[in-house]
Amino acid sequence: MDQIFDDVKRMDKRQFYYQVLSFGMIVSSALMIWKGLMVVTGSESPIVVVLSGSMEPAFKRGDLLFLTNYQDEDIRVGEIVVFKIDGRDIPIVHRVLKVHEKEDGSIKFLTKGDNNSVDDRGLYAPGQLWLDRKDVVGRARGFLPYVGIVTIVMNDYPKFKYAVLSCLGFYVLIHRE
């Protein structure tokens, strides 16, 4: 541990600023990739983590889903959608159970988790019985099993998250290459 602090003490200002700049470049590159994915997929959140067991056996807690949200594609029964409810910050991943198409072309639909015994009307905003197209964040197009478990662990244990982020930030600042 003393060697790490000795390395930091031996750095001159220029090396330190270079390390800070490198860290900024990494963060800005990640943001650019995220924004690029948003444009390509048409979704405000192109990647989400399944946070509950409501979609088992199709998806398990910790699975990472890849989403698209192209407005010209119709929503169909059986499709897995990610939607947001007014007043809730966390999106929900469930399957479309029923679809009602009106003559004017508008669509309303009902969802349900595969592992749930009832539809999602109890989860919707008060007085809301159906979802609209505007509620959809994206549609599941693919997934990686259990890759998102890291996100769940970091949310469940915030001190662990801060420790990991602090270690990574410290490493980037002192690493000389």
C-alpha atoms as a PDB file:
ATOM      1  CA  MET A   1       0.000   0.000   0.000  1.00  0.00           C
ATOM      2  CA  ASP A   2       2.877   2.370   0.779  1.00  0.00           C
ATOM      3  CA  GLN A   3       4.294   1.778  -2.698  1.00  0.00           C
ATOM      4  CA  ILE A   4       1.051   3.072  -4.257  1.00  0.00           C
ATOM      5  CA  PHE A   5       1.239   6.295  -2.274  1.00  0.00           C
ATOM      6  CA  ASP A   6       4.953   6.619  -3.139  1.00  0.00           C
ATOM      7  CA  ASP A   7       4.035   6.364  -6.837  1.00  0.00           C
ATOM      8  CA  VAL A   8       1.463   9.119  -6.432  1.00  0.00           C
ATOM      9  CA  LYS A   9       3.942  11.338  -4.557  1.00  0.00           C
ATOM     10  CA  ARG A  10       6.555  10.900  -7.323  1.00  0.00           C
ATOM     11  CA  MET A  11       4.132  11.992 -10.034  1.00  0.00           C
ATOM     12  CA  ASP A  12       4.631  15.521 -11.197  1.00  0.00           C
ATOM     13  CA  LYS A  13       1.657  17.763 -11.982  1.00  0.00           C
ATOM     14  CA  ARG A  14       1.802  16.997 -15.687  1.00  0.00           C
ATOM     15  CA  GLN A  15       1.571  13.227 -15.129  1.00  0.00           C
ATOM     16  CA  PHE A  16      -1.299  13.692 -12.683  1.00  0.00           C
ATOM     17  CA  TYR A  17      -3.233  15.908 -15.115  1.00  0.00           C
ATOM     18  CA  TYR A  18      -2.581  13.377 -17.876  1.00  0.00           C
ATOM     19  CA  GLN A  19      -4.091  10.629 -15.723  1.00  0.00           C
ATOM     20  CA  VAL A  20      -7.140  12.781 -14.922  1.00  0.00           C
ATOM     21  CA  LEU A  21      -7.536  13.550 -18.634  1.00  0.00           C
ATOM     22  CA  SER A  22      -7.288   9.826 -19.474  1.00  0.00           C
ATOM     23  CA  PHE A  23      -9.991   9.072 -16.936  1.00  0.00           C
ATOM     24  CA  GLY A  24     -12.194  11.791 -18.481  1.00  0.00           C
ATOM     25  CA  MET A  25     -11.638  10.287 -21.936  1.00  0.00           C
ATOM     26  CA  ILE A  26     -12.754   6.862 -20.708  1.00  0.00           C
ATOM     27  CA  VAL A  27     -15.924   8.285 -19.164  1.00  0.00           C
ATOM     28  CA  SER A  28     -16.756  10.399 -22.227  1.00  0.00           C
ATOM     29  CA  SER A  29     -16.158   7.428 -24.559  1.00  0.00           C
ATOM     30  CA  ALA A  30     -18.583   5.312 -22.540  1.00  0.00           C
ATOM     31  CA  LEU A  31     -21.192   8.090 -22.732  1.00  0.00           C
ATOM     32  CA  MET A  32     -20.734   8.414 -26.491  1.00  0.00           C
ATOM     33  CA  ILE A  33     -21.192   4.670 -26.948  1.00  0.00           C
ATOM     34  CA  TRP A  34     -24.381   4.787 -24.828  1.00  0.00           C
ATOM     35  CA  LYS A  35     -25.800   7.732 -26.801  1.00  0.00           C
ATOM     36  CA  GLY A  36     -24.902   5.996 -30.073  1.00  0.00           C
ATOM     37  CA  LEU A  37     -26.779   2.871 -28.954  1.00  0.00           C
ATOM     38  CA  MET A  38     -29.780   5.049 -28.099  1.00  0.00           C
ATOM     39  CA  VAL A  39     -29.826   6.471 -31.627  1.00  0.00           C
ATOM     40  CA  VAL A  40     -29.345   3.105 -33.364  1.00  0.00           C
ATOM     41  CA  THR A  41     -31.941   1.215 -31.283  1.00  0.00           C
ATOM     42  CA  GLY A  42     -34.506   4.011 -30.948  1.00  0.00           C
ATOM     43  CA  SER A  43     -34.736   3.282 -27.220  1.00  0.00           C
ATOM     44  CA  GLU A  44     -33.997   5.635 -24.337  1.00  0.00           C
ATOM     45  CA  SER A  45     -32.517   2.619 -22.558  1.00  0.00           C
ATOM     46  CA  PRO A  46     -31.047   0.114 -25.046  1.00  0.00           C
ATOM     47  CA  ILE A  47     -29.820  -2.214 -22.289  1.00  0.00           C
ATOM     48  CA  VAL A  48     -31.711  -3.151 -19.098  1.00  0.00           C
ATOM     49  CA  VAL A  49     -31.257  -5.660 -16.290  1.00  0.00           C
ATOM     50  CA  VAL A  50     -34.090  -7.934 -15.155  1.00  0.00           C
ATOM     51  CA  LEU A  51     -34.531  -7.040 -11.476  1.00  0.00           C
ATOM     52  CA  SER A  52     -37.139  -9.583 -10.339  1.00  0.00           C
ATOM     53  CA  GLY A  53     -38.224 -13.150 -10.941  1.00  0.00           C
ATOM     54  CA  SER A  54     -41.556 -12.171 -12.511  1.00  0.00           C
ATOM     55  CA  MET A  55     -40.458 -13.285 -16.000  1.00  0.00           C
ATOM     56  CA  GLU A  56     -39.096 -16.707 -15.067  1.00  0.00           C
ATOM     57  CA  PRO A  57     -38.508 -19.077 -16.790  1.00  0.00           C
ATOM     58  CA  ALA A  58     -38.002 -16.816 -19.863  1.00  0.00           C
ATOM     59  CA  PHE A  59     -35.655 -14.417 -18.040  1.00  0.00           C
ATOM     60  CA  LYS A  60     -34.106 -14.725 -14.620  1.00  0.00           C
ATOM     61  CA  ARG A  61     -33.060 -12.040 -12.152  1.00  0.00           C
ATOM     62  CA  GLY A  62     -29.782 -10.545 -13.368  1.00  0.00           C
ATOM     63  CA  ASP A  63     -30.252 -11.253 -17.084  1.00  0.00           C
ATOM     64  CA  LEU A  64     -29.149  -8.397 -19.348  1.00  0.00           C
ATOM     65  CA  LEU A  65     -31.682  -7.526 -22.077  1.00  0.00           C
ATOM     66  CA  PHE A  66     -30.965  -5.755 -25.362  1.00  0.00           C
ATOM     67  CA  LEU A  67     -33.841  -3.535 -26.510  1.00  0.00           C
ATOM     68  CA  THR A  68     -35.046  -1.770 -29.627  1.00  0.00           C
ATOM     69  CA  ASN A  69     -37.951   0.637 -29.853  1.00  0.00           C
ATOM     70  CA  TYR A  70     -38.742   1.379 -33.475  1.00  0.00           C
ATOM     71  CA  GLN A  71     -41.986   3.343 -33.669  1.00  0.00           C
ATOM     72  CA  ASP A  72     -43.096   1.813 -36.975  1.00  0.00           C
ATOM     73  CA  GLU A  73     -43.235  -1.745 -35.566  1.00  0.00           C
ATOM     74  CA  ASP A  74     -46.574  -2.909 -34.181  1.00  0.00           C
ATOM     75  CA  ILE A  75     -46.864  -4.328 -30.677  1.00  0.00           C
ATOM     76  CA  ARG A  76     -48.151  -7.901 -30.724  1.00  0.00           C
ATOM     77  CA  VAL A  77     -49.414 -10.444 -28.185  1.00  0.00           C
ATOM     78  CA  GLY A  78     -46.590 -12.574 -26.783  1.00  0.00           C
ATOM     79  CA  GLU A  79     -43.924  -9.942 -27.292  1.00  0.00           C
ATOM     80  CA  ILE A  80     -41.764  -8.980 -24.313  1.00  0.00           C
ATOM     81  CA  VAL A  81     -41.762  -5.242 -23.682  1.00  0.00           C
ATOM     82  CA  VAL A  82     -40.091  -2.949 -21.188  1.00  0.00           C
ATOM     83  CA  PHE A  83     -42.373  -0.146 -20.036  1.00  0.00           C
ATOM     84  CA  LYS A  84     -42.415   2.732 -17.589  1.00  0.00           C
ATOM     85  CA  ILE A  85     -45.317   3.760 -15.401  1.00  0.00           C
ATOM     86  CA  ASP A  86     -45.924   7.373 -14.368  1.00  0.00           C
ATOM     87  CA  GLY A  87     -44.606   7.895 -10.871  1.00  0.00           C
ATOM     88  CA  ARG A  88     -42.152   4.968 -11.019  1.00  0.00           C
ATOM     89  CA  ASP A  89     -38.475   5.294 -11.863  1.00  0.00           C
ATOM     90  CA  ILE A  90     -37.701   1.657 -12.625  1.00  0.00           C
ATOM     91  CA  PRO A  91     -38.978   0.136 -15.878  1.00  0.00           C
ATOM     92  CA  ILE A  92     -40.809  -3.212 -15.855  1.00  0.00           C
ATOM     93  CA  VAL A  93     -40.077  -6.186 -18.152  1.00  0.00           C
ATOM     94  CA  HIS A  94     -43.249  -8.182 -18.965  1.00  0.00           C
ATOM     95  CA  ARG A  95     -45.015  -9.966 -21.819  1.00  0.00           C
ATOM     96  CA  VAL A  96     -47.910  -8.478 -23.811  1.00  0.00           C
ATOM     97  CA  LEU A  97     -51.080 -10.354 -22.887  1.00  0.00           C
ATOM     98  CA  LYS A  98     -53.779  -8.522 -24.887  1.00  0.00           C
ATOM     99  CA  VAL A  99     -53.774  -5.856 -27.603  1.00  0.00           C
ATOM    100  CA  HIS A 100     -56.659  -3.533 -28.538  1.00  0.00           C
ATOM    101  CA  GLU A 101     -56.340  -1.694 -31.829  1.00  0.00           C
ATOM    102  CA  LYS A 102     -58.708   1.185 -32.449  1.00  0.00           C
ATOM    103  CA  GLU A 103     -59.941   2.288 -35.860  1.00  0.00           C
ATOM    104  CA  ASP A 104     -57.796   5.436 -35.675  1.00  0.00           C
ATOM    105  CA  GLY A 105     -54.679   3.233 -35.487  1.00  0.00           C
ATOM    106  CA  SER A 106     -53.927   3.763 -31.812  1.00  0.00           C
ATOM    107  CA  ILE A 107     -53.059   0.733 -29.710  1.00  0.00           C
ATOM    108  CA  LYS A 108     -53.672  -0.105 -26.069  1.00  0.00           C
ATOM    109  CA  PHE A 109     -52.303  -3.251 -24.510  1.00  0.00           C
ATOM    110  CA  LEU A 110     -52.179  -5.250 -21.286  1.00  0.00           C
ATOM    111  CA  THR A 111     -49.085  -6.965 -19.881  1.00  0.00           C
ATOM    112  CA  LYS A 112     -48.311  -9.751 -17.419  1.00  0.00           C
ATOM    113  CA  GLY A 113     -45.181 -11.335 -15.972  1.00  0.00           C
ATOM    114  CA  ASP A 114     -44.794 -14.986 -17.002  1.00  0.00           C
ATOM    115  CA  ASN A 115     -44.334 -15.988 -13.359  1.00  0.00           C
ATOM    116  CA  ASN A 116     -47.218 -13.829 -12.062  1.00  0.00           C
ATOM    117  CA  SER A 117     -50.731 -15.154 -11.523  1.00  0.00           C
ATOM    118  CA  VAL A 118     -52.554 -11.931 -12.537  1.00  0.00           C
ATOM    119  CA  ASP A 119     -52.140  -9.220 -15.160  1.00  0.00           C
ATOM    120  CA  ASP A 120     -50.304  -5.949 -14.463  1.00  0.00           C
ATOM    121  CA  ARG A 121     -53.271  -3.651 -13.889  1.00  0.00           C
ATOM    122  CA  GLY A 122     -52.292  -3.480 -10.213  1.00  0.00           C
ATOM    123  CA  LEU A 123     -48.872  -2.129 -11.245  1.00  0.00           C
ATOM    124  CA  TYR A 124     -50.160   0.577 -13.570  1.00  0.00           C
ATOM    125  CA  ALA A 125     -50.773   4.160 -12.460  1.00  0.00           C
ATOM    126  CA  PRO A 126     -54.013   4.737 -10.499  1.00  0.00           C
ATOM    127  CA  GLY A 127     -56.965   4.640 -12.896  1.00  0.00           C
ATOM    128  CA  GLN A 128     -54.874   3.231 -15.748  1.00  0.00           C
ATOM    129  CA  LEU A 129     -56.187  -0.054 -17.163  1.00  0.00           C
ATOM    130  CA  TRP A 130     -54.116  -0.293 -20.372  1.00  0.00           C
ATOM    131  CA  LEU A 131     -50.676   0.775 -21.568  1.00  0.00           C
ATOM    132  CA  ASP A 132     -50.130   3.092 -24.532  1.00  0.00           C
ATOM    133  CA  ARG A 133     -47.315   3.066 -27.067  1.00  0.00           C
ATOM    134  CA  LYS A 134     -45.743   6.052 -25.263  1.00  0.00           C
ATOM    135  CA  ASP A 135     -45.212   3.895 -22.145  1.00  0.00           C
ATOM    136  CA  VAL A 136     -42.891   1.472 -23.968  1.00  0.00           C
ATOM    137  CA  VAL A 137     -39.161   1.911 -23.395  1.00  0.00           C
ATOM    138  CA  GLY A 138     -38.228  -0.981 -25.682  1.00  0.00           C
ATOM    139  CA  ARG A 139     -38.780  -4.543 -26.823  1.00  0.00           C
ATOM    140  CA  ALA A 140     -36.507  -7.419 -25.895  1.00  0.00           C
ATOM    141  CA  ARG A 141     -34.414  -8.533 -28.879  1.00  0.00           C
ATOM    142  CA  GLY A 142     -31.753 -10.582 -27.099  1.00  0.00           C
ATOM    143  CA  PHE A 143     -30.223 -11.265 -23.715  1.00  0.00           C
ATOM    144  CA  LEU A 144     -27.134 -12.392 -21.851  1.00  0.00           C
ATOM    145  CA  PRO A 145     -27.868 -14.569 -18.818  1.00  0.00           C
ATOM    146  CA  TYR A 146     -26.759 -13.303 -15.395  1.00  0.00           C
ATOM    147  CA  VAL A 147     -24.444 -10.570 -16.747  1.00  0.00           C
ATOM    148  CA  GLY A 148     -26.480  -7.893 -14.979  1.00  0.00           C
ATOM    149  CA  ILE A 149     -26.083  -9.469 -11.543  1.00  0.00           C
ATOM    150  CA  VAL A 150     -23.249  -6.988 -10.912  1.00  0.00           C
ATOM    151  CA  THR A 151     -25.764  -4.145 -11.213  1.00  0.00           C
ATOM    152  CA  ILE A 152     -28.099  -5.819  -8.742  1.00  0.00           C
ATOM    153  CA  VAL A 153     -25.285  -6.384  -6.227  1.00  0.00           C
ATOM    154  CA  MET A 154     -24.171  -2.762  -6.528  1.00  0.00           C
ATOM    155  CA  ASN A 155     -27.731  -1.507  -5.971  1.00  0.00           C
ATOM    156  CA  ASP A 156     -28.353  -3.858  -3.043  1.00  0.00           C
ATOM    157  CA  TYR A 157     -25.031  -2.976  -1.371  1.00  0.00           C
ATOM    158  CA  PRO A 158     -24.234   0.724  -2.020  1.00  0.00           C
ATOM    159  CA  LYS A 159     -21.028   0.639   0.048  1.00  0.00           C
ATOM    160  CA  PHE A 160     -19.701  -2.090  -2.257  1.00  0.00           C
ATOM    161  CA  LYS A 161     -20.516   0.101  -5.271  1.00  0.00           C
ATOM    162  CA  TYR A 162     -18.620   3.083  -3.836  1.00  0.00           C
ATOM    163  CA  ALA A 163     -15.665   0.880  -2.897  1.00  0.00           C
ATOM    164  CA  VAL A 164     -15.420  -0.587  -6.417  1.00  0.00           C
ATOM    165  CA  LEU A 165     -15.778   2.816  -8.090  1.00  0.00           C
ATOM    166  CA  SER A 166     -13.211   4.357  -5.740  1.00  0.00           C
ATOM    167  CA  CYS A 167     -10.713   1.572  -6.443  1.00  0.00           C
ATOM    168  CA  LEU A 168     -11.211   1.893 -10.207  1.00  0.00           C
ATOM    169  CA  GLY A 169     -10.854   5.676 -10.107  1.00  0.00           C
ATOM    170  CA  PHE A 170      -7.767   5.468  -7.919  1.00  0.00           C
ATOM    171  CA  TYR A 171      -6.215   2.854 -10.212  1.00  0.00           C
ATOM    172  CA  VAL A 172      -6.779   5.010 -13.290  1.00  0.00           C
ATOM    173  CA  LEU A 173      -5.180   8.008 -11.582  1.00  0.00           C
ATOM    174  CA  ILE A 174      -2.022   6.224 -10.440  1.00  0.00           C
ATOM    175  CA  HIS A 175      -1.531   3.856 -13.373  1.00  0.00           C
ATOM    176  CA  ARG A 176       1.267   5.338 -15.490  1.00  0.00           C
ATOM    177  CA  GLU A 177       0.725   3.578 -18.812  1.00  0.00           C
END
